[in-house]
Protein backbone atom coordinates (compact mmCIF):
# COMPACT_ATOMS: atom_id res chain seq x y z
CA MET A 1 115.21 133.92 69.70
CA PRO A 2 114.10 130.68 71.53
CA ARG A 3 115.91 127.55 70.32
CA PHE A 4 114.85 123.83 70.38
CA LEU A 5 116.29 121.64 73.00
CA THR A 6 118.76 118.95 71.76
CA THR A 7 117.11 115.56 70.81
CA SER A 8 119.26 113.82 73.47
CA ASP A 9 117.39 115.43 76.10
CA PHE A 10 114.17 113.39 76.80
CA ARG A 11 112.23 116.68 77.43
CA ALA A 12 112.64 117.87 73.79
CA ARG A 13 109.75 115.98 72.12
CA ARG A 14 105.97 115.75 73.16
CA ARG A 15 104.12 112.32 73.31
CA VAL A 16 100.57 111.68 72.83
CA LEU A 17 98.78 108.83 74.20
CA VAL A 18 97.29 105.91 71.96
CA LYS A 19 93.87 104.14 72.36
CA SER A 20 95.45 101.21 74.33
CA ASP A 21 96.84 103.51 76.94
CA PHE A 22 93.25 104.26 78.31
CA ALA A 23 91.36 102.21 80.38
CA ILE A 24 88.17 103.04 78.66
CA ALA A 25 88.35 104.32 75.19
CA GLU A 26 85.16 103.85 72.91
CA GLY A 27 85.31 104.11 69.20
CA PRO A 28 88.10 105.33 66.82
CA ALA A 29 90.32 108.28 67.91
CA ARG A 30 89.07 111.66 66.32
CA ARG A 31 91.02 113.11 63.43
CA PRO A 32 92.12 116.75 63.97
CA SER A 33 89.30 119.16 62.81
CA ASP A 34 90.47 122.65 63.85
CA LYS A 35 94.34 122.65 64.26
CA ILE A 36 95.88 125.42 66.18
CA ASP A 37 98.09 127.68 64.07
CA LYS A 38 101.91 127.75 64.95
CA ALA A 39 101.80 131.46 66.04
CA THR A 40 99.11 131.03 68.60
CA TRP A 41 100.62 127.78 69.89
CA ASP A 42 103.82 129.34 70.22
CA HIS A 43 102.35 132.33 72.03
CA ILE A 44 100.71 130.12 74.57
CA VAL A 45 103.46 127.43 75.24
CA THR A 46 106.87 128.96 74.67
CA LEU A 47 107.17 130.86 77.97
CA PRO A 48 105.74 127.92 80.02
CA ASP A 49 107.92 125.58 78.23
CA ASP A 50 111.03 127.56 79.09
CA VAL A 51 109.85 127.76 82.79
CA ALA A 52 109.52 124.03 82.87
CA ILE A 53 112.98 123.09 81.53
CA ARG A 54 114.59 125.55 83.90
CA THR A 55 112.48 124.59 86.90
CA THR A 56 113.03 120.75 86.10
CA ASN A 57 116.94 121.33 85.67
CA HIS A 58 117.23 122.50 89.35
CA HIS A 59 114.36 120.74 91.48
CA GLY A 60 114.14 117.19 90.29
CA ARG A 61 113.98 115.68 93.68
CA ALA A 62 111.45 117.97 94.93
CA ILE A 63 109.22 117.38 92.02
CA LYS A 64 109.60 113.66 92.18
CA GLN A 65 108.67 113.54 95.94
CA ILE A 66 105.44 115.62 95.24
CA SER A 67 104.81 113.28 92.37
CA ASP A 68 105.31 110.02 94.27
CA LEU A 69 103.14 111.62 97.19
CA THR A 70 100.35 112.17 94.53
CA TYR A 71 100.54 108.52 93.33
CA GLU A 72 100.44 107.23 96.86
CA TRP A 73 97.39 109.27 97.51
CA LEU A 74 95.75 107.74 94.43
CA LEU A 75 96.39 104.35 95.67
CA HIS A 76 94.46 104.80 98.57
CA SER A 77 91.36 106.34 96.89
CA ASP A 78 88.74 103.27 97.71
CA GLU A 79 86.24 102.83 94.84
CA LYS A 80 83.75 101.52 97.69
CA ASP A 81 84.00 104.49 99.70
CA ARG A 82 81.11 106.86 98.42
CA ILE A 83 82.00 109.85 100.40
CA MET A 84 85.77 109.85 100.49
CA LEU A 85 86.40 108.56 96.89
CA PRO A 86 85.12 111.73 95.01
CA VAL A 87 86.75 114.19 97.13
CA MET A 88 89.97 112.28 97.08
CA MET A 89 89.91 111.89 93.52
CA ASP A 90 89.09 115.86 93.01
CA ALA A 91 92.16 116.31 95.66
CA HIS A 92 94.25 114.22 93.29
CA ASP A 93 93.45 116.52 90.40
CA ASP A 94 94.34 119.42 92.52
CA PHE A 95 97.78 117.96 93.48
CA GLU A 96 98.52 117.14 89.83
CA SER A 97 97.60 120.65 88.62
CA ALA A 98 99.38 122.36 91.43
CA LEU A 99 102.56 120.52 90.54
CA TYR A 100 102.31 121.36 86.89
CA ALA A 101 101.23 124.89 87.43
CA ALA A 102 104.28 125.50 89.66
CA ILE A 103 106.74 123.97 87.17
CA THR A 104 105.48 126.09 84.44
CA GLY A 105 105.72 129.34 86.46
CA TYR A 106 101.98 129.92 87.42
CA TYR A 107 102.63 130.11 91.12
CA ARG A 108 99.51 131.62 92.31
CA LEU A 109 97.14 129.13 90.75
CA ALA A 110 99.48 126.51 92.06
CA ASN A 111 99.05 127.52 95.68
CA SER A 112 95.22 128.03 94.77
CA ALA A 113 94.72 124.49 94.00
CA MET A 114 95.89 123.08 97.16
CA ARG A 115 93.23 125.25 98.89
CA SER A 116 90.63 123.50 96.95
CA ALA A 117 92.06 120.09 97.91
CA LEU A 118 92.11 120.94 101.69
CA GLU A 119 88.28 122.12 101.68
CA LEU A 120 87.22 119.22 99.70
CA VAL A 121 89.10 116.48 101.99
CA ALA A 122 87.75 118.31 105.17
CA ILE A 123 84.22 118.15 103.85
CA GLY A 124 84.50 114.68 102.89
CA THR A 125 86.05 113.70 106.24
CA TRP A 126 83.25 115.58 108.27
CA ALA A 127 80.65 113.76 106.27
CA LYS A 128 82.30 110.37 106.84
CA LEU A 129 82.95 110.72 110.50
CA CYS A 130 79.80 112.63 111.55
CA GLY A 131 77.38 110.57 109.52
CA LYS A 132 76.41 113.44 107.09
CA GLN A 133 76.00 111.27 104.08
CA SER A 134 72.60 112.95 103.12
CA GLU A 135 74.10 116.38 103.50
CA PHE A 136 77.02 115.44 101.47
CA GLN A 137 74.69 113.96 98.57
CA GLU A 138 72.64 117.19 98.66
CA TRP A 139 75.99 119.38 98.41
CA GLN A 140 77.21 117.23 95.51
CA LYS A 141 73.84 117.93 93.67
CA GLY A 142 74.46 121.77 94.34
CA LYS A 143 71.41 122.14 96.52
CA ILE A 144 73.20 123.05 99.81
CA GLU A 145 76.43 124.90 100.50
CA LEU A 146 79.28 123.29 102.53
CA SER A 147 82.58 124.75 103.67
CA LEU A 148 85.77 124.14 105.45
CA GLY A 149 84.42 126.08 108.48
CA ILE A 150 81.43 123.93 108.68
CA ALA A 151 83.63 120.72 108.41
CA CYS A 152 86.09 121.91 110.94
CA ASP A 153 83.26 122.69 113.60
CA GLY A 154 81.86 119.03 113.26
CA LEU A 155 85.26 117.50 113.29
CA THR A 156 86.22 119.50 116.40
CA GLY A 157 83.50 117.50 118.34
CA ALA A 158 83.90 114.26 116.40
CA THR A 159 87.69 113.99 117.31
CA SER A 160 87.80 114.91 120.67
CA ALA A 161 90.07 112.13 121.96
CA LEU A 162 92.70 113.18 119.18
CA ARG A 163 92.08 116.82 120.17
CA ASN A 164 92.96 116.07 123.87
CA ALA A 165 95.84 114.09 122.82
CA LEU A 166 97.35 117.03 120.66
CA LYS A 167 96.53 119.45 123.16
CA THR A 168 98.76 117.49 125.72
CA ARG A 169 101.52 116.92 123.27
CA VAL A 170 101.97 120.07 121.39
CA ASN A 171 99.24 122.38 122.94
CA ASP A 172 97.75 122.88 119.35
CA SER A 173 94.71 121.76 117.51
CA LEU A 174 93.61 120.82 114.20
CA PHE A 175 90.22 122.13 113.81
CA ASP A 176 89.42 124.63 116.71
CA GLN A 177 87.79 128.00 115.95
CA LYS A 178 89.63 131.19 115.98
CA THR A 179 89.26 133.06 119.03
CA ASN A 180 90.55 136.52 120.49
CA THR A 181 93.82 134.60 121.79
CA THR A 182 94.36 132.00 119.16
CA ASP A 183 94.40 131.97 115.39
CA GLY A 184 92.37 128.56 115.31
CA GLY A 185 93.49 124.95 114.68
CA CYS A 186 95.93 124.15 112.07
CA VAL A 187 93.53 123.25 109.09
CA ARG A 188 91.88 126.55 109.51
CA ARG A 189 95.19 128.44 109.67
CA THR A 190 96.51 126.57 106.71
CA PHE A 191 93.38 127.29 104.77
CA SER A 192 93.65 131.13 105.49
CA SER A 193 96.95 131.39 104.53
CA ILE A 194 96.54 129.76 101.17
CA SER A 195 93.35 131.78 100.66
CA ASP A 196 95.52 134.95 100.29
CA PHE A 197 96.55 133.37 96.78
CA SER A 198 92.96 132.33 95.62
CA HIS A 199 92.00 135.96 96.49
CA SER A 200 95.04 137.57 94.91
CA ARG A 201 95.77 139.58 97.85
CA PRO A 202 98.99 141.83 98.00
CA GLY A 203 102.23 139.89 97.85
CA CYS A 204 100.21 136.77 96.80
CA THR A 205 99.77 137.60 92.93
CA ASP A 206 102.00 136.29 90.22
CA PHE A 207 103.17 139.72 89.15
CA SER A 208 104.07 140.37 92.86
CA MET A 209 106.07 137.10 93.04
CA ARG A 210 107.82 137.17 89.74
CA ARG A 211 107.82 140.81 88.53
CA SER A 212 106.69 139.80 85.03
CA ASN A 213 103.50 139.71 82.86
CA GLY A 214 103.98 136.17 81.99
CA PRO A 215 105.57 133.01 83.50
CA ILE A 216 109.33 133.19 84.32
CA TYR A 217 111.37 130.72 86.55
CA VAL A 218 111.56 132.14 89.93
CA PRO A 219 113.34 129.97 92.41
CA ARG A 220 111.95 131.61 95.62
CA ALA A 221 108.42 131.47 94.32
CA PHE A 222 108.85 127.89 93.17
CA ASN A 223 110.28 126.70 96.53
CA GLN A 224 107.43 128.67 98.53
CA SER A 225 104.95 126.52 96.33
CA MET A 226 106.80 123.27 97.20
CA ARG A 227 106.49 124.18 100.80
CA ILE A 228 102.76 124.99 100.60
CA GLN A 229 102.00 121.52 98.63
CA THR A 230 104.08 119.48 101.23
CA GLU A 231 102.53 121.15 104.16
CA THR A 232 99.00 120.93 102.99
CA MET A 233 99.50 117.29 101.73
CA GLY A 234 100.61 116.37 105.08
CA LEU A 235 97.34 117.83 106.44
CA LEU A 236 95.41 115.87 103.89
CA PHE A 237 97.04 112.62 104.68
CA VAL A 238 96.11 113.22 108.26
CA LEU A 239 92.40 113.81 107.39
CA ALA A 240 92.30 110.59 105.41
CA LEU A 241 93.53 108.64 108.31
CA ILE A 242 90.82 110.46 110.48
CA ALA A 243 88.26 109.26 107.90
CA ASN A 244 89.80 105.77 107.43
CA PRO A 245 91.67 104.96 110.65
CA ASN A 246 92.83 101.45 109.30
CA THR A 247 94.70 103.15 106.39
CA ARG A 248 98.57 102.32 106.19
CA PHE A 249 100.39 104.51 103.98
CA ASN A 250 103.92 103.67 102.52
CA GLN A 251 107.36 104.89 103.55
CA ILE A 252 107.06 107.94 101.21
CA VAL A 253 104.36 109.42 103.48
CA VAL A 254 106.33 108.39 106.64
CA ASP A 255 109.39 110.01 105.59
CA LEU A 256 107.42 113.04 104.59
CA PHE A 257 106.43 113.54 108.32
CA ALA A 258 109.72 112.88 109.35
CA ASP A 259 111.31 115.88 107.66
CA ALA A 260 110.32 118.91 109.58
CA SER A 261 111.51 121.16 106.54
CA LYS A 262 108.48 119.64 104.63
CA VAL A 263 105.59 119.44 107.09
CA LYS A 264 106.71 122.06 109.59
CA SER A 265 103.33 122.01 111.76
CA ARG A 266 104.12 120.20 115.02
CA VAL A 267 100.47 119.30 115.50
CA ALA A 268 100.20 117.75 112.02
CA ARG A 269 103.23 115.56 112.71
CA ALA A 270 101.89 114.77 116.08
CA ALA A 271 98.58 113.76 114.77
CA PHE A 272 100.13 111.31 112.05
CA GLN A 273 102.22 109.72 114.87
CA ILE A 274 99.06 109.09 116.83
CA LEU A 275 97.04 107.78 113.85
CA HIS A 276 99.69 106.16 111.87
CA PRO A 277 101.89 104.41 114.60
């Protein structure tokens, strides 16, 4: 039978926010009106809670790194930037949900969230750099469709100097289309690989990763999700620099790119070195 954590463990009790914790909170807090029953609550949270405790017993530093990078991303979300702000804020939510899903054993959903972040920020970067404000606004209203492919096509031409420098340094690109002899630029390659999780392709489902009908702690699957998150976040920091070249990130981001086990892509690391000297 499940047991309670000892009260000496800070993870043993849940906390709820009070009104003063919110920047904007109008009116009194609502009193419970339809409280969940214990059996349903236990059915929903017992397994994820167990996975969360087991995961955070063994991966504290990796989790802290992602959490710190997520906060650094939020710090550079400029309220005056009407194009990048909404996509960066949505990407921030993707970062938070990806980390939480991975901690609680929902590995496929964690990896899928990073796909969403990559597409959103690529579209925002394209709109900012290529002067596509009206198209961006129409897309936000749901009147037109935009995609990562459209964004990459536009960014290929709009970043020609960076493209040439990367070709010289590492013989690779960020945004190039796939051809008969190449798999395309790093952004497209990463998006394609993460899409396998979004579409639940063979080997990329939760059941295939954990052999369970509910969340359980699987170190290999968690480590894979951490690699996907750091690799994708690396590309997203590069996109943020392309959109706003004067941005200067704190040491946590510099350290991310200095660690080839976290950002394996040579072209992403080279792009960061060029854009963030």
